[in-house]
Amino acid sequence: MGTKDSVDLSVVIVTYRSKEYISGCLRSIIEAARGLLFEIIIVDNHSADSLANLVRNEFPSIIVIENKKNEGFARAVNRGVSIARGTYLCILNPDTQFEKETLKILLNFLERHSMNCVVGARTIDPKGRVIPSCRSLPHIANLVNRPISFLLRNRRLKKPMSHLLDIWEQNKTIDVTQYNGYITGACMVTRLDFFKKIGMLDERYFLYAEDADFGLRIIRSGTSAFLVAEASLTHVGGCSATKNPLSRFYFVDAYIRYIDKNFTLFHGLAYKICFFILVLGWTIGACLRLNRGQTIALIRILKHFNFFRSGGAPCVPRYLLEDETMDKNTYFP
C-alpha cells in the first residue's frame, strides 16, 4: 500500500505525563504492525517528565513533537495528523496495548469496506473488565444508564441498545451509528483523508467530548462507525486525566460546549439542568468532606453554567484551561 513518500499507517499518540506507560504501548504497536509500512507520531503536551527523551533514546525512529504548553487533546491530535503520511490513521491513547493481530483485523475491516467509516477495537482493562470502546452520544435519555446499571448490579446488557451502549457487553461487531453511538478516542482507526474530510477534531474542546462531537459529525454525514469485537486491546484508562488536577474542570467545560454546539435549545436546557444538579451534588459532597479546595473549584465550575447559551460559545476561557500554574489546592477536582 505504501510508496516512497507515504506509509500504510500513521499512529498518532497524545501524551501527558504518560512516561510509565509509553514504552509498553509503543512495543505493542511495533509488534502489531509487523509487515506494514508505518510511522508513529507522538505529540507531548508539555509533560515535563522526560517522556520525550525516553522515546528518542529507546525508539529513535519515532517522531516526537513537544508542545510548549498543554494544548489539550484535540489540538494535539490535529497537530500530529497534520504531518501524517499514512493511508490509514490510528488515534491511540498512550496507556493502551494492542493484541498481536488487532491492527491487522481493523485495517482488513476497512479494506473490505469501500465506504468511508471509522473502526474501534473491543477494549478491556488489565483485569479483563470491559471498558466502553463505543459510547452513546450525550442525550437526555442517557440519564437512565446509572439506574439501569444499578439494577443490573453492574452486570452489562447482553444486546446493544440506543442510549445504553456504555453499559453493553460490547462483544459483537456492530455499526454504532445505528444505536446513536460513537467510537471513543482511546483507539480510533480510519482513512486519513476521511478524517480530514469530516473536519478532524474540534479544537474548542480541551479534554473530553471531542470524540463524541466527531462521532456526531460522522452520523450527520451519513457514514458509519464500527465496533470490531474480533479486535481487542488493553487500556489502563484515564492515566493522563488522573494526573491532571483540573480534569473534572475540563470534563464539565467540554460537555457544556458539546451541549451548546449540538443540542436544540429545549434539549440543551433540560440536559443542563440535570448536569447542573450533578455538579451541585459533587459540590455538596466536597463541602461535607470539608475539602475546601475541591469545593471552591466546583463552585467556580457552577459559575460557568449558562442555561441559554448556544452555538458552542466558550464556557471557560481557553487561557484558563491551558494554565497549569493555577493553585492546585484551589482547583483540584
C-alpha atoms as a PDB file:
ATOM      1  CA  MET A   1       0.000   0.000   0.000  1.00  0.00           C
ATOM      2  CA  GLY A   2       2.797   2.439   0.795  1.00  0.00           C
ATOM      3  CA  THR A   3       5.030   4.417  -1.551  1.00  0.00           C
ATOM      4  CA  LYS A   4       8.318   6.155  -1.033  1.00  0.00           C
ATOM      5  CA  ASP A   5       6.557   9.280   0.262  1.00  0.00           C
ATOM      6  CA  SER A   6       3.730   7.575   2.133  1.00  0.00           C
ATOM      7  CA  VAL A   7       3.137   4.765   4.589  1.00  0.00           C
ATOM      8  CA  ASP A   8       0.311   2.326   5.197  1.00  0.00           C
ATOM      9  CA  LEU A   9      -0.480   3.573   8.671  1.00  0.00           C
ATOM     10  CA  SER A  10       0.130   6.637  10.820  1.00  0.00           C
ATOM     11  CA  VAL A  11      -0.350   6.212  14.570  1.00  0.00           C
ATOM     12  CA  VAL A  12      -0.860   9.484  16.464  1.00  0.00           C
ATOM     13  CA  ILE A  13      -0.479   9.402  20.250  1.00  0.00           C
ATOM     14  CA  VAL A  14      -1.003  12.387  22.538  1.00  0.00           C
ATOM     15  CA  THR A  15       0.886  12.132  25.815  1.00  0.00           C
ATOM     16  CA  TYR A  16       0.622  13.975  29.106  1.00  0.00           C
ATOM     17  CA  ARG A  17       2.707  12.574  31.968  1.00  0.00           C
ATOM     18  CA  SER A  18       2.418   9.097  30.476  1.00  0.00           C
ATOM     19  CA  LYS A  19       6.030   8.031  30.814  1.00  0.00           C
ATOM     20  CA  GLU A  20       5.324   4.833  32.755  1.00  0.00           C
ATOM     21  CA  TYR A  21       3.014   3.504  30.023  1.00  0.00           C
ATOM     22  CA  ILE A  22       4.504   4.696  26.758  1.00  0.00           C
ATOM     23  CA  SER A  23       7.194   2.027  26.237  1.00  0.00           C
ATOM     24  CA  GLY A  24       4.701  -0.820  26.532  1.00  0.00           C
ATOM     25  CA  CYS A  25       2.315   0.952  24.192  1.00  0.00           C
ATOM     26  CA  LEU A  26       4.980   1.536  21.542  1.00  0.00           C
ATOM     27  CA  ARG A  27       6.285  -2.030  21.688  1.00  0.00           C
ATOM     28  CA  SER A  28       2.760  -3.367  21.190  1.00  0.00           C
ATOM     29  CA  ILE A  29       2.287  -1.145  18.130  1.00  0.00           C
ATOM     30  CA  ILE A  30       5.581  -2.266  16.597  1.00  0.00           C
ATOM     31  CA  GLU A  31       4.638  -5.912  17.131  1.00  0.00           C
ATOM     32  CA  ALA A  32       1.062  -5.489  15.851  1.00  0.00           C
ATOM     33  CA  ALA A  33       2.197  -3.531  12.776  1.00  0.00           C
ATOM     34  CA  ARG A  34       4.734  -6.090  11.517  1.00  0.00           C
ATOM     35  CA  GLY A  35       4.564  -6.335   7.730  1.00  0.00           C
ATOM     36  CA  LEU A  36       3.173  -2.807   7.380  1.00  0.00           C
ATOM     37  CA  LEU A  37       4.881   0.429   6.464  1.00  0.00           C
ATOM     38  CA  PHE A  38       4.021   2.629   9.411  1.00  0.00           C
ATOM     39  CA  GLU A  39       5.003   5.710  11.362  1.00  0.00           C
ATOM     40  CA  ILE A  40       4.347   6.689  14.960  1.00  0.00           C
ATOM     41  CA  ILE A  41       3.874  10.356  15.840  1.00  0.00           C
ATOM     42  CA  ILE A  42       3.883  11.380  19.494  1.00  0.00           C
ATOM     43  CA  VAL A  43       2.621  14.824  20.437  1.00  0.00           C
ATOM     44  CA  ASP A  44       3.597  15.566  24.028  1.00  0.00           C
ATOM     45  CA  ASN A  45       1.534  18.165  25.859  1.00  0.00           C
ATOM     46  CA  HIS A  46       4.335  19.604  27.981  1.00  0.00           C
ATOM     47  CA  SER A  47       4.585  16.599  30.295  1.00  0.00           C
ATOM     48  CA  ALA A  48       7.799  17.759  31.993  1.00  0.00           C
ATOM     49  CA  ASP A  49       8.565  14.127  32.872  1.00  0.00           C
ATOM     50  CA  SER A  50      11.357  13.411  30.337  1.00  0.00           C
ATOM     51  CA  LEU A  51       8.977  11.277  28.246  1.00  0.00           C
ATOM     52  CA  ALA A  52      10.260  12.799  25.020  1.00  0.00           C
ATOM     53  CA  ASN A  53      13.873  11.915  25.881  1.00  0.00           C
ATOM     54  CA  LEU A  54      12.878   8.359  26.792  1.00  0.00           C
ATOM     55  CA  VAL A  55      11.157   7.860  23.435  1.00  0.00           C
ATOM     56  CA  ARG A  56      14.022   9.367  21.452  1.00  0.00           C
ATOM     57  CA  ASN A  57      16.528   7.120  23.219  1.00  0.00           C
ATOM     58  CA  GLU A  58      14.549   3.853  23.081  1.00  0.00           C
ATOM     59  CA  PHE A  59      12.687   4.401  19.798  1.00  0.00           C
ATOM     60  CA  PRO A  60      14.770   6.774  17.649  1.00  0.00           C
ATOM     61  CA  SER A  61      12.626   6.302  14.524  1.00  0.00           C
ATOM     62  CA  ILE A  62       9.509   7.671  16.218  1.00  0.00           C
ATOM     63  CA  ILE A  63       8.535  11.285  15.527  1.00  0.00           C
ATOM     64  CA  VAL A  64       8.191  13.355  18.719  1.00  0.00           C
ATOM     65  CA  ILE A  65       6.565  16.787  18.794  1.00  0.00           C
ATOM     66  CA  GLU A  66       6.901  18.692  22.066  1.00  0.00           C
ATOM     67  CA  ASN A  67       4.299  21.360  22.764  1.00  0.00           C
ATOM     68  CA  LYS A  68       5.489  24.273  24.852  1.00  0.00           C
ATOM     69  CA  LYS A  69       2.310  24.100  26.924  1.00  0.00           C
ATOM     70  CA  ASN A  70      -0.609  21.746  27.399  1.00  0.00           C
ATOM     71  CA  GLU A  71      -2.611  22.380  24.225  1.00  0.00           C
ATOM     72  CA  GLY A  72      -5.357  19.909  25.055  1.00  0.00           C
ATOM     73  CA  PHE A  73      -6.145  16.593  23.394  1.00  0.00           C
ATOM     74  CA  ALA A  74      -7.981  17.727  20.255  1.00  0.00           C
ATOM     75  CA  ARG A  75      -5.447  20.357  19.217  1.00  0.00           C
ATOM     76  CA  ALA A  76      -2.544  17.972  19.863  1.00  0.00           C
ATOM     77  CA  VAL A  77      -4.158  15.204  17.782  1.00  0.00           C
ATOM     78  CA  ASN A  78      -4.720  17.590  14.895  1.00  0.00           C
ATOM     79  CA  ARG A  79      -1.105  18.735  15.069  1.00  0.00           C
ATOM     80  CA  GLY A  80       0.069  15.141  14.737  1.00  0.00           C
ATOM     81  CA  VAL A  81      -2.399  14.422  11.934  1.00  0.00           C
ATOM     82  CA  SER A  82      -1.189  17.484  10.024  1.00  0.00           C
ATOM     83  CA  ILE A  83       2.173  15.778   9.348  1.00  0.00           C
ATOM     84  CA  ALA A  84       0.862  12.213   8.995  1.00  0.00           C
ATOM     85  CA  ARG A  85       1.608  10.407   5.720  1.00  0.00           C
ATOM     86  CA  GLY A  86      -0.421   7.230   6.147  1.00  0.00           C
ATOM     87  CA  THR A  87      -3.201   5.863   4.017  1.00  0.00           C
ATOM     88  CA  TYR A  88      -4.800   4.952   7.337  1.00  0.00           C
ATOM     89  CA  LEU A  89      -4.781   6.821  10.627  1.00  0.00           C
ATOM     90  CA  CYS A  90      -4.900   5.404  14.152  1.00  0.00           C
ATOM     91  CA  ILE A  91      -5.517   7.728  17.093  1.00  0.00           C
ATOM     92  CA  LEU A  92      -4.381   5.941  20.223  1.00  0.00           C
ATOM     93  CA  ASN A  93      -4.070   6.601  23.950  1.00  0.00           C
ATOM     94  CA  PRO A  94      -0.612   6.072  25.484  1.00  0.00           C
ATOM     95  CA  ASP A  95      -1.927   3.727  28.182  1.00  0.00           C
ATOM     96  CA  THR A  96      -3.115   1.088  25.705  1.00  0.00           C
ATOM     97  CA  GLN A  97      -1.541  -2.083  24.347  1.00  0.00           C
ATOM     98  CA  PHE A  98      -2.621  -3.911  21.189  1.00  0.00           C
ATOM     99  CA  GLU A  99      -3.134  -7.628  20.961  1.00  0.00           C
ATOM    100  CA  LYS A 100      -0.879  -9.058  18.255  1.00  0.00           C
ATOM    101  CA  GLU A 101      -3.497  -9.232  15.469  1.00  0.00           C
ATOM    102  CA  THR A 102      -5.600  -6.205  16.413  1.00  0.00           C
ATOM    103  CA  LEU A 103      -4.241  -3.671  13.945  1.00  0.00           C
ATOM    104  CA  LYS A 104      -4.412  -6.083  11.019  1.00  0.00           C
ATOM    105  CA  ILE A 105      -8.009  -7.032  11.879  1.00  0.00           C
ATOM    106  CA  LEU A 106      -9.017  -3.364  11.950  1.00  0.00           C
ATOM    107  CA  LEU A 107      -7.199  -2.490   8.739  1.00  0.00           C
ATOM    108  CA  ASN A 108      -8.582  -5.543   6.947  1.00  0.00           C
ATOM    109  CA  PHE A 109     -12.067  -4.495   8.036  1.00  0.00           C
ATOM    110  CA  LEU A 110     -11.511  -1.065   6.495  1.00  0.00           C
ATOM    111  CA  GLU A 111     -10.101  -2.645   3.336  1.00  0.00           C
ATOM    112  CA  ARG A 112     -13.228  -4.786   2.944  1.00  0.00           C
ATOM    113  CA  HIS A 113     -15.497  -1.770   3.267  1.00  0.00           C
ATOM    114  CA  SER A 114     -15.193   0.519   0.271  1.00  0.00           C
ATOM    115  CA  MET A 115     -17.231   3.162   2.100  1.00  0.00           C
ATOM    116  CA  ASN A 116     -15.591   5.612   4.435  1.00  0.00           C
ATOM    117  CA  CYS A 117     -16.003   4.673   8.088  1.00  0.00           C
ATOM    118  CA  VAL A 118     -14.330   4.627  11.491  1.00  0.00           C
ATOM    119  CA  VAL A 119     -13.495   1.467  13.432  1.00  0.00           C
ATOM    120  CA  GLY A 120     -12.505   0.705  17.005  1.00  0.00           C
ATOM    121  CA  ALA A 121     -11.444  -2.399  18.929  1.00  0.00           C
ATOM    122  CA  ARG A 122     -13.081  -4.061  21.916  1.00  0.00           C
ATOM    123  CA  THR A 123     -11.281  -2.746  24.999  1.00  0.00           C
ATOM    124  CA  ILE A 124     -10.599  -4.328  28.370  1.00  0.00           C
ATOM    125  CA  ASP A 125      -8.715  -3.159  31.445  1.00  0.00           C
ATOM    126  CA  PRO A 126      -5.722  -5.060  32.903  1.00  0.00           C
ATOM    127  CA  LYS A 127      -8.142  -7.183  34.989  1.00  0.00           C
ATOM    128  CA  GLY A 128     -10.146  -8.239  31.920  1.00  0.00           C
ATOM    129  CA  ARG A 129     -13.137  -5.994  32.584  1.00  0.00           C
ATOM    130  CA  VAL A 130     -14.847  -4.259  29.652  1.00  0.00           C
ATOM    131  CA  ILE A 131     -14.070  -0.586  29.094  1.00  0.00           C
ATOM    132  CA  PRO A 132     -16.512   1.028  26.637  1.00  0.00           C
ATOM    133  CA  SER A 133     -14.909   1.319  23.190  1.00  0.00           C
ATOM    134  CA  CYS A 134     -18.122   2.826  21.910  1.00  0.00           C
ATOM    135  CA  ARG A 135     -20.440   5.072  23.846  1.00  0.00           C
ATOM    136  CA  SER A 136     -23.847   6.627  23.379  1.00  0.00           C
ATOM    137  CA  LEU A 137     -23.812  10.233  22.245  1.00  0.00           C
ATOM    138  CA  PRO A 138     -24.766  12.676  25.009  1.00  0.00           C
ATOM    139  CA  HIS A 139     -28.563  12.800  25.232  1.00  0.00           C
ATOM    140  CA  ILE A 140     -31.126  13.340  27.962  1.00  0.00           C
ATOM    141  CA  ALA A 141     -32.160   9.672  27.553  1.00  0.00           C
ATOM    142  CA  ASN A 142     -28.677   8.551  28.671  1.00  0.00           C
ATOM    143  CA  LEU A 143     -29.559   9.506  32.241  1.00  0.00           C
ATOM    144  CA  VAL A 144     -31.178   6.081  32.654  1.00  0.00           C
ATOM    145  CA  ASN A 145     -27.717   4.446  32.379  1.00  0.00           C
ATOM    146  CA  ARG A 146     -26.890   4.661  36.067  1.00  0.00           C
ATOM    147  CA  PRO A 147     -30.197   3.366  37.499  1.00  0.00           C
ATOM    148  CA  ILE A 148     -30.237   0.501  34.975  1.00  0.00           C
ATOM    149  CA  SER A 149     -26.620  -0.342  35.798  1.00  0.00           C
ATOM    150  CA  PHE A 150     -27.542  -0.337  39.498  1.00  0.00           C
ATOM    151  CA  LEU A 151     -30.477  -2.683  38.878  1.00  0.00           C
ATOM    152  CA  LEU A 152     -28.185  -4.973  36.885  1.00  0.00           C
ATOM    153  CA  ARG A 153     -25.750  -4.933  39.819  1.00  0.00           C
ATOM    154  CA  ASN A 154     -23.048  -3.677  37.470  1.00  0.00           C
ATOM    155  CA  ARG A 155     -23.597  -6.521  35.008  1.00  0.00           C
ATOM    156  CA  ARG A 156     -23.701  -5.479  31.368  1.00  0.00           C
ATOM    157  CA  LEU A 157     -26.540  -5.601  28.865  1.00  0.00           C
ATOM    158  CA  LYS A 158     -26.458  -8.622  26.539  1.00  0.00           C
ATOM    159  CA  LYS A 159     -27.648  -6.675  23.484  1.00  0.00           C
ATOM    160  CA  PRO A 160     -26.776  -3.171  22.215  1.00  0.00           C
ATOM    161  CA  MET A 161     -29.477  -0.541  22.679  1.00  0.00           C
ATOM    162  CA  SER A 162     -29.707   3.122  21.745  1.00  0.00           C
ATOM    163  CA  HIS A 163     -28.587   5.423  24.574  1.00  0.00           C
ATOM    164  CA  LEU A 164     -27.280   2.401  26.541  1.00  0.00           C
ATOM    165  CA  LEU A 165     -24.065   1.450  24.712  1.00  0.00           C
ATOM    166  CA  ASP A 166     -21.978   2.436  27.749  1.00  0.00           C
ATOM    167  CA  ILE A 167     -23.387  -0.476  29.774  1.00  0.00           C
ATOM    168  CA  TRP A 168     -23.487  -3.069  26.958  1.00  0.00           C
ATOM    169  CA  GLU A 169     -21.099  -6.066  26.911  1.00  0.00           C
ATOM    170  CA  GLN A 170     -19.574  -4.835  23.623  1.00  0.00           C
ATOM    171  CA  ASN A 171     -18.906  -8.364  22.409  1.00  0.00           C
ATOM    172  CA  LYS A 172     -20.409  -8.093  18.924  1.00  0.00           C
ATOM    173  CA  THR A 173     -19.362  -6.223  15.769  1.00  0.00           C
ATOM    174  CA  ILE A 174     -21.944  -3.513  15.086  1.00  0.00           C
ATOM    175  CA  ASP A 175     -22.356  -0.179  13.334  1.00  0.00           C
ATOM    176  CA  VAL A 176     -22.614   2.006  16.426  1.00  0.00           C
ATOM    177  CA  THR A 177     -24.188   4.873  14.485  1.00  0.00           C
ATOM    178  CA  GLN A 178     -27.329   2.719  14.260  1.00  0.00           C
ATOM    179  CA  TYR A 179     -27.556   2.992  18.055  1.00  0.00           C
ATOM    180  CA  ASN A 180     -26.802   6.709  18.308  1.00  0.00           C
ATOM    181  CA  GLY A 181     -23.223   5.904  19.314  1.00  0.00           C
ATOM    182  CA  TYR A 182     -19.599   6.774  18.571  1.00  0.00           C
ATOM    183  CA  ILE A 183     -16.126   5.230  18.790  1.00  0.00           C
ATOM    184  CA  THR A 184     -14.056   6.671  21.632  1.00  0.00           C
ATOM    185  CA  GLY A 185     -10.766   8.461  21.072  1.00  0.00           C
ATOM    186  CA  ALA A 186      -8.810   5.844  23.040  1.00  0.00           C
ATOM    187  CA  CYS A 187      -8.462   3.822  19.813  1.00  0.00           C
ATOM    188  CA  MET A 188      -9.922   5.107  16.580  1.00  0.00           C
ATOM    189  CA  VAL A 189      -8.836   3.889  13.119  1.00  0.00           C
ATOM    190  CA  THR A 190      -9.956   5.338   9.788  1.00  0.00           C
ATOM    191  CA  ARG A 191      -8.670   6.565   6.458  1.00  0.00           C
ATOM    192  CA  LEU A 192      -6.554   9.685   6.873  1.00  0.00           C
ATOM    193  CA  ASP A 193      -8.312  11.555   4.073  1.00  0.00           C
ATOM    194  CA  PHE A 194     -11.717  10.722   5.583  1.00  0.00           C
ATOM    195  CA  PHE A 195     -10.648  12.029   8.996  1.00  0.00           C
ATOM    196  CA  LYS A 196      -9.647  15.301   7.356  1.00  0.00           C
ATOM    197  CA  LYS A 197     -12.827  15.412   5.266  1.00  0.00           C
ATOM    198  CA  ILE A 198     -15.018  15.149   8.370  1.00  0.00           C
ATOM    199  CA  GLY A 199     -13.106  18.103   9.816  1.00  0.00           C
ATOM    200  CA  MET A 200     -10.660  16.443  12.237  1.00  0.00           C
ATOM    201  CA  LEU A 201     -11.257  17.087  15.954  1.00  0.00           C
ATOM    202  CA  ASP A 202     -12.906  20.321  17.061  1.00  0.00           C
ATOM    203  CA  GLU A 203     -10.201  22.230  18.923  1.00  0.00           C
ATOM    204  CA  ARG A 204     -12.729  24.101  21.030  1.00  0.00           C
ATOM    205  CA  TYR A 205     -12.725  21.003  23.230  1.00  0.00           C
ATOM    206  CA  PHE A 206      -9.698  20.915  25.518  1.00  0.00           C
ATOM    207  CA  LEU A 207     -10.202  17.458  27.007  1.00  0.00           C
ATOM    208  CA  TYR A 208     -13.238  15.149  26.761  1.00  0.00           C
ATOM    209  CA  ALA A 209     -16.219  15.157  24.346  1.00  0.00           C
ATOM    210  CA  GLU A 210     -14.119  15.802  21.216  1.00  0.00           C
ATOM    211  CA  ASP A 211     -14.616  12.174  20.163  1.00  0.00           C
ATOM    212  CA  ALA A 212     -18.379  12.418  20.762  1.00  0.00           C
ATOM    213  CA  ASP A 213     -18.509  15.563  18.648  1.00  0.00           C
ATOM    214  CA  PHE A 214     -16.559  13.800  15.876  1.00  0.00           C
ATOM    215  CA  GLY A 215     -18.933  10.830  16.138  1.00  0.00           C
ATOM    216  CA  LEU A 216     -21.953  13.087  15.789  1.00  0.00           C
ATOM    217  CA  ARG A 217     -20.484  14.585  12.617  1.00  0.00           C
ATOM    218  CA  ILE A 218     -19.998  11.057  11.248  1.00  0.00           C
ATOM    219  CA  ILE A 219     -23.681  10.320  11.820  1.00  0.00           C
ATOM    220  CA  ARG A 220     -24.729  13.611  10.226  1.00  0.00           C
ATOM    221  CA  SER A 221     -22.545  12.848   7.197  1.00  0.00           C
ATOM    222  CA  GLY A 222     -24.416   9.574   6.663  1.00  0.00           C
ATOM    223  CA  THR A 223     -21.340   7.383   7.186  1.00  0.00           C
ATOM    224  CA  SER A 224     -20.690   4.604   9.683  1.00  0.00           C
ATOM    225  CA  ALA A 225     -18.565   3.733  12.712  1.00  0.00           C
ATOM    226  CA  PHE A 226     -17.979   0.111  13.682  1.00  0.00           C
ATOM    227  CA  LEU A 227     -17.012  -1.579  16.895  1.00  0.00           C
ATOM    228  CA  VAL A 228     -14.999  -4.587  15.655  1.00  0.00           C
ATOM    229  CA  ALA A 229     -15.308  -7.079  18.500  1.00  0.00           C
ATOM    230  CA  GLU A 230     -12.763  -9.527  16.996  1.00  0.00           C
ATOM    231  CA  ALA A 231     -10.033  -6.925  17.579  1.00  0.00           C
ATOM    232  CA  SER A 232      -9.025  -6.135  21.149  1.00  0.00           C
ATOM    233  CA  LEU A 233      -6.636  -4.073  23.220  1.00  0.00           C
ATOM    234  CA  THR A 234      -5.882  -3.429  26.863  1.00  0.00           C
ATOM    235  CA  HIS A 235      -6.499   0.051  28.226  1.00  0.00           C
ATOM    236  CA  VAL A 236      -5.472   1.238  31.669  1.00  0.00           C
ATOM    237  CA  GLY A 237      -7.928   4.130  31.326  1.00  0.00           C
ATOM    238  CA  GLY A 238      -7.558   7.735  32.425  1.00  0.00           C
ATOM    239  CA  CYS A 239      -3.812   7.693  33.111  1.00  0.00           C
ATOM    240  CA  SER A 240      -3.288  11.251  31.830  1.00  0.00           C
ATOM    241  CA  ALA A 241      -6.532  12.634  33.197  1.00  0.00           C
ATOM    242  CA  THR A 242      -5.910  11.321  36.709  1.00  0.00           C
ATOM    243  CA  LYS A 243      -2.551  13.107  36.752  1.00  0.00           C
ATOM    244  CA  ASN A 244      -4.131  16.414  35.755  1.00  0.00           C
ATOM    245  CA  PRO A 245      -5.655  18.168  38.783  1.00  0.00           C
ATOM    246  CA  LEU A 246      -8.066  20.065  36.519  1.00  0.00           C
ATOM    247  CA  SER A 247      -9.596  17.003  34.834  1.00  0.00           C
ATOM    248  CA  ARG A 248     -13.077  17.433  36.306  1.00  0.00           C
ATOM    249  CA  PHE A 249     -12.949  21.114  35.380  1.00  0.00           C
ATOM    250  CA  TYR A 250     -12.196  20.071  31.779  1.00  0.00           C
ATOM    251  CA  PHE A 251     -14.943  17.442  31.852  1.00  0.00           C
ATOM    252  CA  VAL A 252     -17.695  19.884  32.773  1.00  0.00           C
ATOM    253  CA  ASP A 253     -16.445  22.523  30.350  1.00  0.00           C
ATOM    254  CA  ALA A 254     -16.314  20.017  27.481  1.00  0.00           C
ATOM    255  CA  TYR A 255     -19.847  18.752  27.948  1.00  0.00           C
ATOM    256  CA  ILE A 256     -21.272  22.250  28.264  1.00  0.00           C
ATOM    257  CA  ARG A 257     -19.534  23.074  24.982  1.00  0.00           C
ATOM    258  CA  TYR A 258     -20.997  19.952  23.378  1.00  0.00           C
ATOM    259  CA  ILE A 259     -24.490  20.833  24.569  1.00  0.00           C
ATOM    260  CA  ASP A 260     -24.206  24.451  23.401  1.00  0.00           C
ATOM    261  CA  LYS A 261     -22.921  23.415  19.991  1.00  0.00           C
ATOM    262  CA  ASN A 262     -25.130  20.441  19.178  1.00  0.00           C
ATOM    263  CA  PHE A 263     -28.385  20.477  21.172  1.00  0.00           C
ATOM    264  CA  THR A 264     -31.610  22.281  20.460  1.00  0.00           C
ATOM    265  CA  LEU A 265     -32.479  24.978  22.978  1.00  0.00           C
ATOM    266  CA  PHE A 266     -35.084  22.848  24.797  1.00  0.00           C
ATOM    267  CA  HIS A 267     -32.945  19.674  24.844  1.00  0.00           C
ATOM    268  CA  GLY A 268     -29.909  21.666  25.935  1.00  0.00           C
ATOM    269  CA  LEU A 269     -31.840  23.361  28.724  1.00  0.00           C
ATOM    270  CA  ALA A 270     -33.169  20.035  30.057  1.00  0.00           C
ATOM    271  CA  TYR A 271     -29.719  18.409  29.896  1.00  0.00           C
ATOM    272  CA  LYS A 272     -28.013  21.375  31.546  1.00  0.00           C
ATOM    273  CA  ILE A 273     -30.461  21.346  34.435  1.00  0.00           C
ATOM    274  CA  CYS A 274     -29.655  17.667  35.075  1.00  0.00           C
ATOM    275  CA  PHE A 275     -25.926  18.308  34.613  1.00  0.00           C
ATOM    276  CA  PHE A 276     -26.075  21.288  36.971  1.00  0.00           C
ATOM    277  CA  ILE A 277     -27.721  19.107  39.636  1.00  0.00           C
ATOM    278  CA  LEU A 278     -24.951  16.517  39.177  1.00  0.00           C
ATOM    279  CA  VAL A 279     -22.179  19.106  39.659  1.00  0.00           C
ATOM    280  CA  LEU A 280     -24.089  20.629  42.568  1.00  0.00           C
ATOM    281  CA  GLY A 281     -24.099  17.158  44.146  1.00  0.00           C
ATOM    282  CA  TRP A 282     -20.325  16.930  43.691  1.00  0.00           C
ATOM    283  CA  THR A 283     -20.014  20.351  45.354  1.00  0.00           C
ATOM    284  CA  ILE A 284     -22.162  19.441  48.342  1.00  0.00           C
ATOM    285  CA  GLY A 285     -20.210  16.198  48.757  1.00  0.00           C
ATOM    286  CA  ALA A 286     -16.901  18.081  48.751  1.00  0.00           C
ATOM    287  CA  CYS A 287     -18.282  20.553  51.280  1.00  0.00           C
ATOM    288  CA  LEU A 288     -19.457  17.771  53.604  1.00  0.00           C
ATOM    289  CA  ARG A 289     -15.999  16.198  53.393  1.00  0.00           C
ATOM    290  CA  LEU A 290     -14.571  19.585  54.439  1.00  0.00           C
ATOM    291  CA  ASN A 291     -12.498  19.653  51.238  1.00  0.00           C
ATOM    292  CA  ARG A 292     -12.168  23.396  50.838  1.00  0.00           C
ATOM    293  CA  GLY A 293     -10.083  23.334  47.647  1.00  0.00           C
ATOM    294  CA  GLN A 294     -12.433  20.951  45.857  1.00  0.00           C
ATOM    295  CA  THR A 295     -15.480  22.901  46.996  1.00  0.00           C
ATOM    296  CA  ILE A 296     -14.066  26.167  45.661  1.00  0.00           C
ATOM    297  CA  ALA A 297     -13.172  24.539  42.325  1.00  0.00           C
ATOM    298  CA  LEU A 298     -16.664  23.097  41.885  1.00  0.00           C
ATOM    299  CA  ILE A 299     -18.306  26.396  42.793  1.00  0.00           C
ATOM    300  CA  ARG A 300     -16.223  28.033  40.074  1.00  0.00           C
ATOM    301  CA  ILE A 301     -17.442  25.377  37.648  1.00  0.00           C
ATOM    302  CA  LEU A 302     -21.054  26.139  38.582  1.00  0.00           C
ATOM    303  CA  LYS A 303     -20.467  29.806  37.787  1.00  0.00           C
ATOM    304  CA  HIS A 304     -19.793  28.899  34.146  1.00  0.00           C
ATOM    305  CA  PHE A 305     -23.246  27.437  33.607  1.00  0.00           C
ATOM    306  CA  ASN A 306     -25.322  29.491  31.188  1.00  0.00           C
ATOM    307  CA  PHE A 307     -28.595  27.701  30.641  1.00  0.00           C
ATOM    308  CA  PHE A 308     -29.490  29.611  27.470  1.00  0.00           C
ATOM    309  CA  ARG A 309     -26.142  29.810  25.657  1.00  0.00           C
ATOM    310  CA  SER A 310     -25.988  28.069  22.267  1.00  0.00           C
ATOM    311  CA  GLY A 311     -23.691  27.714  19.251  1.00  0.00           C
ATOM    312  CA  GLY A 312     -20.647  26.336  21.049  1.00  0.00           C
ATOM    313  CA  ALA A 313     -19.589  29.654  22.575  1.00  0.00           C
ATOM    314  CA  PRO A 314     -16.742  29.478  25.103  1.00  0.00           C
ATOM    315  CA  CYS A 315     -17.745  28.267  28.567  1.00  0.00           C
ATOM    316  CA  VAL A 316     -14.409  28.571  30.347  1.00  0.00           C
ATOM    317  CA  PRO A 317     -11.798  30.891  28.811  1.00  0.00           C
ATOM    318  CA  ARG A 318      -9.148  28.965  26.855  1.00  0.00           C
ATOM    319  CA  TYR A 319      -6.295  30.596  28.759  1.00  0.00           C
ATOM    320  CA  LEU A 320      -7.746  29.205  31.991  1.00  0.00           C
ATOM    321  CA  LEU A 321      -7.906  25.686  30.571  1.00  0.00           C
ATOM    322  CA  GLU A 322      -4.278  25.879  29.433  1.00  0.00           C
ATOM    323  CA  ASP A 323      -2.935  27.436  32.639  1.00  0.00           C
ATOM    324  CA  GLU A 324      -1.078  24.744  34.591  1.00  0.00           C
ATOM    325  CA  THR A 325       0.270  27.240  37.134  1.00  0.00           C
ATOM    326  CA  MET A 326      -3.069  27.703  38.904  1.00  0.00           C
ATOM    327  CA  ASP A 327      -3.250  26.903  42.588  1.00  0.00           C
ATOM    328  CA  LYS A 328      -3.711  23.117  42.643  1.00  0.00           C
ATOM    329  CA  ASN A 329      -5.179  23.267  46.152  1.00  0.00           C
ATOM    330  CA  THR A 330      -7.882  25.599  44.836  1.00  0.00           C
ATOM    331  CA  TYR A 331      -8.674  23.801  41.589  1.00  0.00           C
ATOM    332  CA  PHE A 332      -8.038  20.183  42.490  1.00  0.00           C
ATOM    333  CA  PRO A 333     -11.165  18.286  41.357  1.00  0.00           C
END
